[in-house]
N, C-alpha and C. Protein backbone atom coordinates (compact mmCIF):
# COMPACT_ATOMS: atom_id res chain seq x y z
N MET A 1 154.90 -15.65 -39.78
CA MET A 1 155.80 -15.53 -38.65
C MET A 1 155.00 -15.19 -37.40
N SER A 2 155.28 -15.86 -36.32
CA SER A 2 154.55 -15.62 -35.07
C SER A 2 155.25 -14.54 -34.25
N VAL A 3 154.48 -13.92 -33.41
CA VAL A 3 154.99 -12.87 -32.53
C VAL A 3 155.31 -13.50 -31.18
N LEU A 4 156.52 -13.29 -30.71
CA LEU A 4 156.92 -13.82 -29.40
C LEU A 4 156.51 -12.83 -28.32
N GLN A 5 156.05 -13.36 -27.19
CA GLN A 5 155.60 -12.50 -26.11
C GLN A 5 156.18 -12.96 -24.79
N GLY A 6 156.25 -12.02 -23.88
CA GLY A 6 156.58 -12.33 -22.51
C GLY A 6 158.02 -12.76 -22.27
N LEU A 7 158.17 -13.70 -21.35
CA LEU A 7 159.48 -14.15 -20.91
C LEU A 7 160.27 -14.83 -22.03
N HIS A 8 159.57 -15.51 -22.91
CA HIS A 8 160.25 -16.19 -24.02
C HIS A 8 160.95 -15.16 -24.92
N ALA A 9 160.25 -14.08 -25.23
CA ALA A 9 160.83 -13.04 -26.08
C ALA A 9 162.02 -12.36 -25.39
N ILE A 10 161.91 -12.14 -24.10
CA ILE A 10 163.02 -11.52 -23.36
C ILE A 10 164.24 -12.43 -23.38
N GLY A 11 164.04 -13.72 -23.16
CA GLY A 11 165.15 -14.67 -23.17
C GLY A 11 165.82 -14.75 -24.53
N LEU A 12 165.02 -14.78 -25.60
CA LEU A 12 165.61 -14.84 -26.94
C LEU A 12 166.38 -13.57 -27.27
N GLU A 13 165.86 -12.43 -26.86
CA GLU A 13 166.56 -11.16 -27.12
C GLU A 13 167.86 -11.10 -26.34
N ALA A 14 167.87 -11.59 -25.11
CA ALA A 14 169.09 -11.61 -24.31
C ALA A 14 170.14 -12.50 -24.95
N MET A 15 169.72 -13.64 -25.50
CA MET A 15 170.68 -14.52 -26.17
C MET A 15 171.16 -13.92 -27.48
N LYS A 16 170.26 -13.27 -28.19
CA LYS A 16 170.65 -12.67 -29.47
C LYS A 16 171.67 -11.56 -29.27
N ARG A 17 171.47 -10.73 -28.26
CA ARG A 17 172.39 -9.61 -27.99
C ARG A 17 173.58 -10.01 -27.11
N GLN A 18 173.55 -11.25 -26.57
CA GLN A 18 174.61 -11.71 -25.66
C GLN A 18 174.74 -10.76 -24.47
N ASN A 19 173.59 -10.38 -23.91
CA ASN A 19 173.56 -9.43 -22.81
C ASN A 19 172.60 -9.95 -21.72
N ALA A 20 173.16 -10.33 -20.59
CA ALA A 20 172.36 -10.88 -19.50
C ALA A 20 171.56 -9.81 -18.76
N ASP A 21 171.90 -8.54 -18.95
CA ASP A 21 171.16 -7.47 -18.27
C ASP A 21 169.72 -7.38 -18.74
N ILE A 22 169.45 -7.82 -19.95
CA ILE A 22 168.09 -7.76 -20.49
C ILE A 22 167.16 -8.68 -19.70
N VAL A 23 167.70 -9.73 -19.10
CA VAL A 23 166.88 -10.67 -18.33
C VAL A 23 166.23 -9.99 -17.13
N SER A 24 166.78 -8.87 -16.67
CA SER A 24 166.18 -8.16 -15.54
C SER A 24 164.78 -7.63 -15.89
N LEU A 25 164.46 -7.56 -17.17
CA LEU A 25 163.11 -7.15 -17.57
C LEU A 25 162.06 -8.19 -17.21
N ALA A 26 162.49 -9.39 -16.88
CA ALA A 26 161.55 -10.45 -16.51
C ALA A 26 160.74 -10.07 -15.28
N ASN A 27 161.31 -9.28 -14.38
CA ASN A 27 160.57 -8.85 -13.19
C ASN A 27 159.38 -7.97 -13.56
N VAL A 28 159.51 -7.20 -14.63
CA VAL A 28 158.40 -6.37 -15.09
C VAL A 28 157.25 -7.25 -15.58
N VAL A 29 157.60 -8.34 -16.26
CA VAL A 29 156.57 -9.24 -16.78
C VAL A 29 155.90 -10.01 -15.64
N ARG A 30 156.68 -10.41 -14.65
CA ARG A 30 156.14 -11.24 -13.56
C ARG A 30 155.37 -10.45 -12.51
N SER A 31 155.45 -9.14 -12.53
CA SER A 31 154.73 -8.34 -11.53
C SER A 31 153.83 -7.34 -12.25
N GLY A 32 153.17 -6.52 -11.47
CA GLY A 32 152.31 -5.51 -12.05
C GLY A 32 150.93 -6.03 -12.38
N PRO A 33 150.32 -5.52 -13.44
CA PRO A 33 148.94 -5.88 -13.78
C PRO A 33 148.76 -7.38 -14.05
N GLY A 34 149.73 -8.01 -14.65
CA GLY A 34 149.62 -9.44 -14.92
C GLY A 34 149.53 -10.25 -13.64
N LEU A 35 150.32 -9.90 -12.66
CA LEU A 35 150.30 -10.61 -11.38
C LEU A 35 148.96 -10.39 -10.67
N ILE A 36 148.45 -9.17 -10.73
CA ILE A 36 147.17 -8.87 -10.09
C ILE A 36 146.05 -9.68 -10.73
N MET A 37 146.04 -9.77 -12.05
CA MET A 37 145.02 -10.56 -12.74
C MET A 37 145.15 -12.05 -12.40
N PHE A 38 146.38 -12.52 -12.30
CA PHE A 38 146.62 -13.92 -11.95
C PHE A 38 146.09 -14.22 -10.55
N LEU A 39 146.37 -13.34 -9.60
CA LEU A 39 145.90 -13.54 -8.22
C LEU A 39 144.38 -13.47 -8.13
N ILE A 40 143.78 -12.56 -8.88
CA ILE A 40 142.32 -12.47 -8.90
C ILE A 40 141.73 -13.78 -9.45
N GLY A 41 142.35 -14.31 -10.50
CA GLY A 41 141.89 -15.58 -11.06
C GLY A 41 141.99 -16.72 -10.06
N LEU A 42 143.08 -16.76 -9.29
CA LEU A 42 143.23 -17.80 -8.28
C LEU A 42 142.18 -17.67 -7.17
N LEU A 43 141.89 -16.44 -6.78
CA LEU A 43 140.86 -16.23 -5.76
C LEU A 43 139.48 -16.64 -6.27
N LEU A 44 139.21 -16.35 -7.54
CA LEU A 44 137.94 -16.78 -8.13
C LEU A 44 137.86 -18.30 -8.21
N LEU A 45 138.99 -18.94 -8.49
CA LEU A 45 139.02 -20.41 -8.52
C LEU A 45 138.71 -20.98 -7.14
N ALA A 46 139.28 -20.37 -6.10
CA ALA A 46 139.01 -20.83 -4.74
C ALA A 46 137.55 -20.62 -4.38
N ALA A 47 137.00 -19.48 -4.73
CA ALA A 47 135.58 -19.21 -4.44
C ALA A 47 134.68 -20.19 -5.18
N ALA A 48 135.01 -20.48 -6.43
CA ALA A 48 134.21 -21.41 -7.21
C ALA A 48 134.25 -22.82 -6.62
N SER A 49 135.41 -23.23 -6.12
CA SER A 49 135.50 -24.57 -5.52
C SER A 49 134.66 -24.66 -4.25
N ILE A 50 134.59 -23.59 -3.49
CA ILE A 50 133.75 -23.58 -2.29
C ILE A 50 132.28 -23.61 -2.67
N ILE A 51 131.92 -22.86 -3.73
CA ILE A 51 130.54 -22.87 -4.20
C ILE A 51 130.14 -24.25 -4.68
N VAL A 52 131.03 -24.93 -5.39
CA VAL A 52 130.75 -26.29 -5.85
C VAL A 52 130.56 -27.23 -4.66
N ALA A 53 131.42 -27.10 -3.66
CA ALA A 53 131.30 -27.96 -2.48
C ALA A 53 129.97 -27.73 -1.76
N VAL A 54 129.57 -26.48 -1.63
CA VAL A 54 128.29 -26.17 -0.97
C VAL A 54 127.13 -26.68 -1.81
N THR A 55 127.23 -26.55 -3.13
CA THR A 55 126.16 -27.04 -4.01
C THR A 55 126.01 -28.55 -3.92
N ILE A 56 127.13 -29.25 -3.87
CA ILE A 56 127.07 -30.70 -3.71
C ILE A 56 126.44 -31.05 -2.36
N TRP A 57 126.79 -30.32 -1.32
CA TRP A 57 126.27 -30.57 0.02
C TRP A 57 124.74 -30.40 0.04
N ILE A 58 124.26 -29.34 -0.62
CA ILE A 58 122.84 -29.00 -0.59
C ILE A 58 122.02 -29.86 -1.56
N SER A 59 122.62 -30.28 -2.66
CA SER A 59 121.86 -30.91 -3.74
C SER A 59 121.10 -32.15 -3.33
N GLY A 60 121.66 -32.97 -2.49
CA GLY A 60 121.03 -34.22 -2.12
C GLY A 60 121.19 -35.31 -3.16
N ARG A 61 121.78 -34.98 -4.28
CA ARG A 61 122.01 -35.96 -5.34
C ARG A 61 123.23 -36.82 -5.05
N TYR A 62 124.20 -36.21 -4.41
CA TYR A 62 125.44 -36.90 -4.06
C TYR A 62 125.55 -36.97 -2.55
N GLN A 63 126.47 -37.77 -2.08
CA GLN A 63 126.71 -37.80 -0.64
C GLN A 63 127.28 -36.45 -0.22
N LYS A 64 126.89 -35.99 0.94
CA LYS A 64 127.22 -34.63 1.38
C LYS A 64 128.73 -34.36 1.47
N TRP A 65 129.48 -35.35 1.86
CA TRP A 65 130.91 -35.14 2.09
C TRP A 65 131.71 -35.03 0.80
N MET A 66 131.14 -35.36 -0.36
CA MET A 66 131.91 -35.47 -1.59
C MET A 66 132.48 -34.13 -2.09
N GLY A 67 131.88 -33.03 -1.74
CA GLY A 67 132.39 -31.73 -2.18
C GLY A 67 133.56 -31.24 -1.35
N ILE A 68 133.69 -31.75 -0.16
CA ILE A 68 134.76 -31.28 0.74
C ILE A 68 136.15 -31.63 0.22
N PRO A 69 136.42 -32.86 -0.22
CA PRO A 69 137.77 -33.14 -0.76
C PRO A 69 138.09 -32.30 -2.00
N PHE A 70 137.05 -32.02 -2.81
CA PHE A 70 137.27 -31.19 -3.99
C PHE A 70 137.72 -29.79 -3.58
N ALA A 71 136.97 -29.14 -2.69
CA ALA A 71 137.32 -27.79 -2.25
C ALA A 71 138.67 -27.78 -1.54
N PHE A 72 138.93 -28.81 -0.74
CA PHE A 72 140.20 -28.91 -0.03
C PHE A 72 141.37 -29.08 -1.01
N GLY A 73 141.17 -29.92 -2.03
CA GLY A 73 142.22 -30.14 -3.02
C GLY A 73 142.54 -28.89 -3.81
N ILE A 74 141.51 -28.15 -4.23
CA ILE A 74 141.74 -26.90 -4.96
C ILE A 74 142.43 -25.89 -4.04
N SER A 75 142.02 -25.85 -2.78
CA SER A 75 142.65 -24.91 -1.84
C SER A 75 144.13 -25.23 -1.63
N LEU A 76 144.49 -26.49 -1.66
CA LEU A 76 145.90 -26.86 -1.54
C LEU A 76 146.67 -26.61 -2.83
N TYR A 77 145.97 -26.66 -3.95
CA TYR A 77 146.62 -26.48 -5.25
C TYR A 77 147.03 -25.02 -5.48
N ILE A 78 146.24 -24.09 -5.01
CA ILE A 78 146.48 -22.67 -5.29
C ILE A 78 147.82 -22.17 -4.76
N PRO A 79 148.26 -22.49 -3.53
CA PRO A 79 149.53 -21.93 -3.03
C PRO A 79 150.77 -22.42 -3.78
N GLN A 80 150.64 -23.39 -4.64
CA GLN A 80 151.81 -23.90 -5.35
C GLN A 80 152.46 -22.84 -6.24
N PHE A 81 151.71 -21.86 -6.65
CA PHE A 81 152.24 -20.86 -7.56
C PHE A 81 153.21 -19.90 -6.87
N SER A 82 153.21 -19.89 -5.54
CA SER A 82 154.13 -19.00 -4.83
C SER A 82 154.92 -19.73 -3.74
N SER A 83 154.98 -21.04 -3.81
CA SER A 83 155.64 -21.78 -2.74
C SER A 83 156.93 -22.43 -3.22
N GLU A 84 157.62 -22.99 -2.26
CA GLU A 84 158.88 -23.66 -2.53
C GLU A 84 158.67 -25.05 -3.10
N TYR A 85 159.74 -25.65 -3.57
CA TYR A 85 159.68 -26.96 -4.19
C TYR A 85 159.17 -28.03 -3.22
N ALA A 86 159.55 -27.94 -1.95
CA ALA A 86 159.17 -28.97 -0.97
C ALA A 86 157.65 -29.07 -0.85
N TYR A 87 156.97 -27.94 -0.85
CA TYR A 87 155.50 -27.96 -0.76
C TYR A 87 154.91 -28.65 -1.98
N LYS A 88 155.41 -28.31 -3.15
CA LYS A 88 154.90 -28.91 -4.39
C LYS A 88 155.13 -30.42 -4.40
N ARG A 89 156.31 -30.83 -3.97
CA ARG A 89 156.63 -32.25 -3.93
C ARG A 89 155.70 -32.98 -2.97
N ASP A 90 155.49 -32.41 -1.80
CA ASP A 90 154.63 -33.04 -0.80
C ASP A 90 153.18 -33.10 -1.27
N PHE A 91 152.72 -32.04 -1.94
CA PHE A 91 151.35 -32.02 -2.43
C PHE A 91 151.12 -33.12 -3.46
N PHE A 92 152.04 -33.25 -4.41
CA PHE A 92 151.85 -34.25 -5.44
C PHE A 92 152.02 -35.66 -4.90
N SER A 93 152.92 -35.86 -3.95
CA SER A 93 153.06 -37.20 -3.38
C SER A 93 151.82 -37.57 -2.56
N MET A 94 151.24 -36.60 -1.86
CA MET A 94 150.02 -36.85 -1.11
C MET A 94 148.86 -37.15 -2.07
N SER A 95 148.75 -36.37 -3.14
CA SER A 95 147.68 -36.59 -4.12
C SER A 95 147.82 -37.95 -4.77
N TYR A 96 149.02 -38.33 -5.10
CA TYR A 96 149.25 -39.60 -5.75
C TYR A 96 148.91 -40.75 -4.81
N SER A 97 149.27 -40.61 -3.53
CA SER A 97 148.97 -41.68 -2.58
C SER A 97 147.47 -41.83 -2.37
N ILE A 98 146.73 -40.73 -2.42
CA ILE A 98 145.27 -40.80 -2.30
C ILE A 98 144.68 -41.51 -3.50
N ILE A 99 145.19 -41.21 -4.69
CA ILE A 99 144.68 -41.85 -5.91
C ILE A 99 144.96 -43.36 -5.85
N ILE A 100 146.16 -43.74 -5.44
CA ILE A 100 146.50 -45.16 -5.34
C ILE A 100 145.63 -45.85 -4.29
N TYR A 101 145.38 -45.17 -3.16
CA TYR A 101 144.58 -45.75 -2.09
C TYR A 101 143.15 -46.01 -2.54
N LYS A 102 142.59 -45.12 -3.37
CA LYS A 102 141.21 -45.25 -3.81
C LYS A 102 141.02 -46.41 -4.79
N ARG A 103 142.06 -46.85 -5.44
CA ARG A 103 141.94 -47.95 -6.40
C ARG A 103 141.85 -49.21 -5.66
């Protein structure tokens, strides 16, 4: 038998007890130490993308501009975790149009 964790366990317990008040515990899961670790991870991802872009620029193996779209794309990807649906929709439609254009 597997152990349920996080929001899934809270949702199942709320359904089992037929009590919607238990769902308020979801705020505890979404904030606190878990949120801080998640934000630190996103900042490290942004820093790593900038380091990769600079490394590509300096390496001389690739064209200098090739790291810039990578760093820019990662930088646009990060705010999706705290943004509204319209931003996510626009980001994916822009990404898709760039992929189609490159073919």
